[in-house]
């Protein structure tokens, strides 16, 4: 969660190690990156350029990050990790970050889709604001953002049966059933398809929208 506040050498070691594991496991070397908790920094982009990444999705140009961080801090209440959530250097990007695609060296940055009011849209948010409002947000981002993509977290499709009941987790495992979660994902996908958007890989999206 604090990757972007590390030194360049620490970031390089962490990203390089993960890069190597993905390459060994899947065959192709990864060319796209997203930082934990959407953390970004100049040092991180220097590392991504050195490792020849083609695109990055770590930019979060939305004030929504502030309440998200407060909520995450409550999840860690009583734990020393609670205070590390606010140990960031990129607060200004949440309020004044660029919404459209831009370049950091040779890396194409695809910011998380936001509407004109800088409200970010990703699947997890639907569990917080309600699905009717979320689908309205999704439609507005589909209209406003050229390089649109829809981010889904693994936890969005998890229920209690997937979790170790003994371990204390930093997020709420209770909530909708797996069937309900599948239904909500299907609704979101249907809205995306109804927009007429062509479904492409993230790599192709980056190529098509590169400045």
Protein backbone atom coordinates (compact mmCIF):
# COMPACT_ATOMS: atom_id res chain seq x y z
CA UNK A 1 0.00 0.00 0.00
CA UNK A 2 3.01 2.31 0.43
CA UNK A 3 4.90 1.35 -2.72
CA UNK A 4 5.01 4.85 -4.17
CA UNK A 5 6.60 6.40 -1.07
CA UNK A 6 9.58 4.05 -1.16
CA UNK A 7 12.96 4.97 -2.60
CA UNK A 8 13.62 4.33 -6.27
CA UNK A 9 15.86 1.38 -5.38
CA UNK A 10 13.16 -0.20 -3.18
CA UNK A 11 10.47 0.32 -5.81
CA UNK A 12 12.69 -1.20 -8.49
CA UNK A 13 13.40 -4.28 -6.36
CA UNK A 14 9.72 -4.81 -5.54
CA UNK A 15 8.40 -4.32 -9.07
CA UNK A 16 11.24 -6.33 -10.63
CA UNK A 17 10.60 -9.26 -8.25
CA UNK A 18 6.87 -9.26 -9.05
CA UNK A 19 7.59 -8.84 -12.77
CA UNK A 20 9.82 -11.93 -12.70
CA UNK A 21 7.22 -14.04 -10.86
CA UNK A 22 4.50 -13.12 -13.40
CA UNK A 23 6.85 -13.85 -16.29
CA UNK A 24 7.84 -17.25 -14.86
CA UNK A 25 4.22 -18.19 -14.17
CA UNK A 26 2.46 -16.99 -17.33
CA UNK A 27 5.14 -16.94 -20.03
CA UNK A 28 4.68 -13.43 -21.46
CA UNK A 29 6.31 -10.58 -19.58
CA UNK A 30 3.79 -8.09 -18.16
CA UNK A 31 3.54 -4.76 -19.98
CA UNK A 32 0.83 -3.10 -17.84
CA UNK A 33 0.97 -2.02 -14.22
CA UNK A 34 -1.28 -0.87 -11.38
CA UNK A 35 0.13 0.18 -8.03
CA UNK A 36 -1.39 -0.98 -4.73
CA UNK A 37 -3.97 1.59 -3.55
CA UNK A 38 -3.29 3.58 -6.75
CA UNK A 39 -0.07 5.05 -5.38
CA UNK A 40 2.08 6.92 -7.91
CA UNK A 41 5.34 8.85 -7.88
CA UNK A 42 8.08 10.06 -10.22
CA UNK A 43 10.35 7.26 -8.99
CA UNK A 44 7.69 4.66 -9.83
CA UNK A 45 7.36 5.94 -13.40
CA UNK A 46 11.14 5.93 -13.77
CA UNK A 47 11.14 2.26 -12.78
CA UNK A 48 8.28 1.37 -15.14
CA UNK A 49 10.13 3.03 -18.01
CA UNK A 50 13.35 1.18 -17.17
CA UNK A 51 11.48 -2.16 -17.10
CA UNK A 52 9.84 -1.27 -20.45
CA UNK A 53 6.23 -1.23 -19.30
CA UNK A 54 3.87 0.13 -21.93
CA UNK A 55 0.97 1.38 -19.82
CA UNK A 56 0.01 2.17 -16.23
CA UNK A 57 -3.37 2.41 -14.47
CA UNK A 58 -2.20 3.80 -11.10
CA UNK A 59 -3.58 7.34 -11.57
CA UNK A 60 -6.66 8.14 -9.44
CA UNK A 61 -7.80 11.69 -10.35
CA UNK A 62 -10.75 11.78 -7.95
CA UNK A 63 -11.57 13.28 -4.55
CA UNK A 64 -13.31 9.96 -3.81
CA UNK A 65 -9.91 8.66 -2.65
CA UNK A 66 -10.16 10.73 0.56
CA UNK A 67 -13.30 8.97 1.94
CA UNK A 68 -11.92 5.65 0.64
CA UNK A 69 -8.77 6.13 2.73
CA UNK A 70 -10.85 7.04 5.80
CA UNK A 71 -12.91 3.90 5.33
CA UNK A 72 -9.79 1.75 4.96
CA UNK A 73 -8.36 3.31 8.11
CA UNK A 74 -11.49 2.26 10.02
CA UNK A 75 -11.02 -1.29 8.71
CA UNK A 76 -7.57 -1.27 10.35
CA UNK A 77 -8.78 0.43 13.56
CA UNK A 78 -6.52 -0.52 16.45
CA UNK A 79 -3.75 -1.70 14.12
CA UNK A 80 -0.55 0.26 13.44
CA UNK A 81 -1.28 -0.11 9.71
CA UNK A 82 -4.15 2.34 10.21
CA UNK A 83 -1.75 5.31 10.14
CA UNK A 84 0.32 4.03 7.21
CA UNK A 85 -2.72 4.38 4.94
CA UNK A 86 -2.22 8.16 5.04
CA UNK A 87 1.53 7.94 4.40
CA UNK A 88 1.37 9.12 0.79
CA UNK A 89 2.92 11.77 -1.41
CA UNK A 90 0.26 11.98 -4.12
CA UNK A 91 -2.67 13.70 -2.36
CA UNK A 92 -2.65 16.56 -4.85
CA UNK A 93 -3.31 14.16 -7.74
CA UNK A 94 -6.65 13.14 -6.21
CA UNK A 95 -7.94 16.70 -6.55
CA UNK A 96 -6.13 18.02 -9.63
CA UNK A 97 -4.92 14.93 -11.49
CA UNK A 98 -5.47 14.64 -15.22
CA UNK A 99 -8.57 12.68 -16.25
CA UNK A 100 -7.48 11.98 -19.81
CA UNK A 101 -4.65 9.77 -21.05
CA UNK A 102 -1.12 11.15 -20.78
CA UNK A 103 2.49 10.03 -21.04
CA UNK A 104 5.17 9.50 -18.41
CA UNK A 105 8.21 8.87 -20.57
CA UNK A 106 7.30 5.92 -22.80
CA UNK A 107 4.58 4.74 -20.42
CA UNK A 108 0.99 5.57 -21.38
CA UNK A 109 -1.00 6.46 -18.24
CA UNK A 110 -4.65 5.44 -18.29
CA UNK A 111 -6.30 7.22 -15.32
CA UNK A 112 -9.14 5.47 -13.54
CA UNK A 113 -12.32 6.59 -15.37
CA UNK A 114 -14.10 9.54 -13.75
CA UNK A 115 -17.09 11.64 -14.73
CA UNK A 116 -16.95 15.42 -15.15
CA UNK A 117 -17.42 15.88 -11.41
CA UNK A 118 -14.29 13.80 -10.77
CA UNK A 119 -16.25 10.90 -9.29
CA UNK A 120 -14.25 7.74 -9.97
CA UNK A 121 -15.96 4.63 -11.31
CA UNK A 122 -14.87 1.10 -10.45
CA UNK A 123 -16.97 -1.94 -9.57
CA UNK A 124 -16.35 -2.00 -5.82
CA UNK A 125 -17.92 1.44 -5.43
CA UNK A 126 -21.34 -0.03 -6.26
CA UNK A 127 -21.37 -1.88 -2.94
CA UNK A 128 -20.96 1.49 -1.18
CA UNK A 129 -23.20 3.92 -3.07
CA UNK A 130 -25.89 1.50 -4.23
CA UNK A 131 -26.25 -0.10 -7.63
CA UNK A 132 -28.78 2.27 -9.16
CA UNK A 133 -26.47 5.23 -8.53
CA UNK A 134 -23.45 3.22 -9.58
CA UNK A 135 -24.95 2.30 -12.95
CA UNK A 136 -25.78 5.97 -13.52
CA UNK A 137 -22.15 6.80 -12.76
CA UNK A 138 -20.99 4.05 -15.09
CA UNK A 139 -23.11 5.44 -17.94
CA UNK A 140 -21.78 8.96 -17.40
CA UNK A 141 -18.17 7.74 -17.49
CA UNK A 142 -18.86 5.76 -20.65
CA UNK A 143 -20.04 9.02 -22.23
CA UNK A 144 -17.22 11.20 -20.87
CA UNK A 145 -14.08 9.05 -21.06
CA UNK A 146 -12.45 7.98 -24.33
CA UNK A 147 -10.05 5.44 -22.81
CA UNK A 148 -12.67 3.75 -20.63
CA UNK A 149 -11.96 0.56 -18.69
CA UNK A 150 -13.84 -1.14 -15.85
CA UNK A 151 -11.82 -2.16 -12.82
CA UNK A 152 -12.96 -5.17 -10.78
CA UNK A 153 -11.29 -6.28 -7.52
CA UNK A 154 -11.07 -10.01 -6.67
CA UNK A 155 -13.00 -9.32 -3.46
CA UNK A 156 -15.96 -8.18 -5.56
CA UNK A 157 -16.62 -11.85 -6.35
CA UNK A 158 -15.84 -13.36 -2.96
CA UNK A 159 -18.20 -14.47 -0.21
CA UNK A 160 -17.73 -15.99 3.24
CA UNK A 161 -17.00 -19.47 1.86
CA UNK A 162 -13.82 -18.12 0.19
CA UNK A 163 -12.37 -16.76 3.42
CA UNK A 164 -10.53 -18.18 6.41
CA UNK A 165 -12.92 -17.61 9.36
CA UNK A 166 -10.02 -17.58 11.83
CA UNK A 167 -8.13 -14.68 10.25
CA UNK A 168 -9.05 -11.08 10.92
CA UNK A 169 -9.41 -9.35 7.55
CA UNK A 170 -8.99 -5.63 6.74
CA UNK A 171 -12.27 -5.50 4.82
CA UNK A 172 -15.84 -6.58 5.42
CA UNK A 173 -16.26 -10.19 4.27
CA UNK A 174 -19.97 -10.21 5.05
CA UNK A 175 -22.48 -8.79 2.63
CA UNK A 176 -24.10 -9.90 -0.60
CA UNK A 177 -24.10 -13.56 -1.55
CA UNK A 178 -22.02 -14.79 -4.46
CA UNK A 179 -25.18 -14.99 -6.56
CA UNK A 180 -25.94 -11.34 -5.82
CA UNK A 181 -22.36 -10.34 -6.65
CA UNK A 182 -22.55 -12.19 -9.97
CA UNK A 183 -25.84 -10.48 -10.75
CA UNK A 184 -24.35 -7.01 -10.12
CA UNK A 185 -21.33 -7.73 -12.31
CA UNK A 186 -23.61 -8.94 -15.11
CA UNK A 187 -25.64 -5.71 -14.87
CA UNK A 188 -22.49 -3.61 -15.18
CA UNK A 189 -21.24 -5.59 -18.17
CA UNK A 190 -24.62 -5.21 -19.88
CA UNK A 191 -24.44 -1.42 -19.45
CA UNK A 192 -20.96 -1.41 -21.01
CA UNK A 193 -22.10 -3.53 -23.96
CA UNK A 194 -25.21 -1.36 -24.48
CA UNK A 195 -22.92 1.66 -24.88
CA UNK A 196 -21.60 0.18 -28.12
CA UNK A 197 -18.02 0.14 -26.88
CA UNK A 198 -15.72 -2.34 -28.57
CA UNK A 199 -14.17 -4.73 -26.04
CA UNK A 200 -10.37 -4.70 -26.37
CA UNK A 201 -7.37 -5.62 -24.24
CA UNK A 202 -5.84 -2.99 -21.97
CA UNK A 203 -2.71 -3.02 -24.10
CA UNK A 204 -4.73 -2.19 -27.21
CA UNK A 205 -6.67 0.48 -25.32
CA UNK A 206 -3.36 2.10 -24.38
CA UNK A 207 -2.08 1.98 -27.97
CA UNK A 208 -5.27 3.45 -29.40
CA UNK A 209 -5.38 6.33 -26.93
CA UNK A 210 -1.69 7.15 -26.56
CA UNK A 211 -1.09 10.93 -26.87
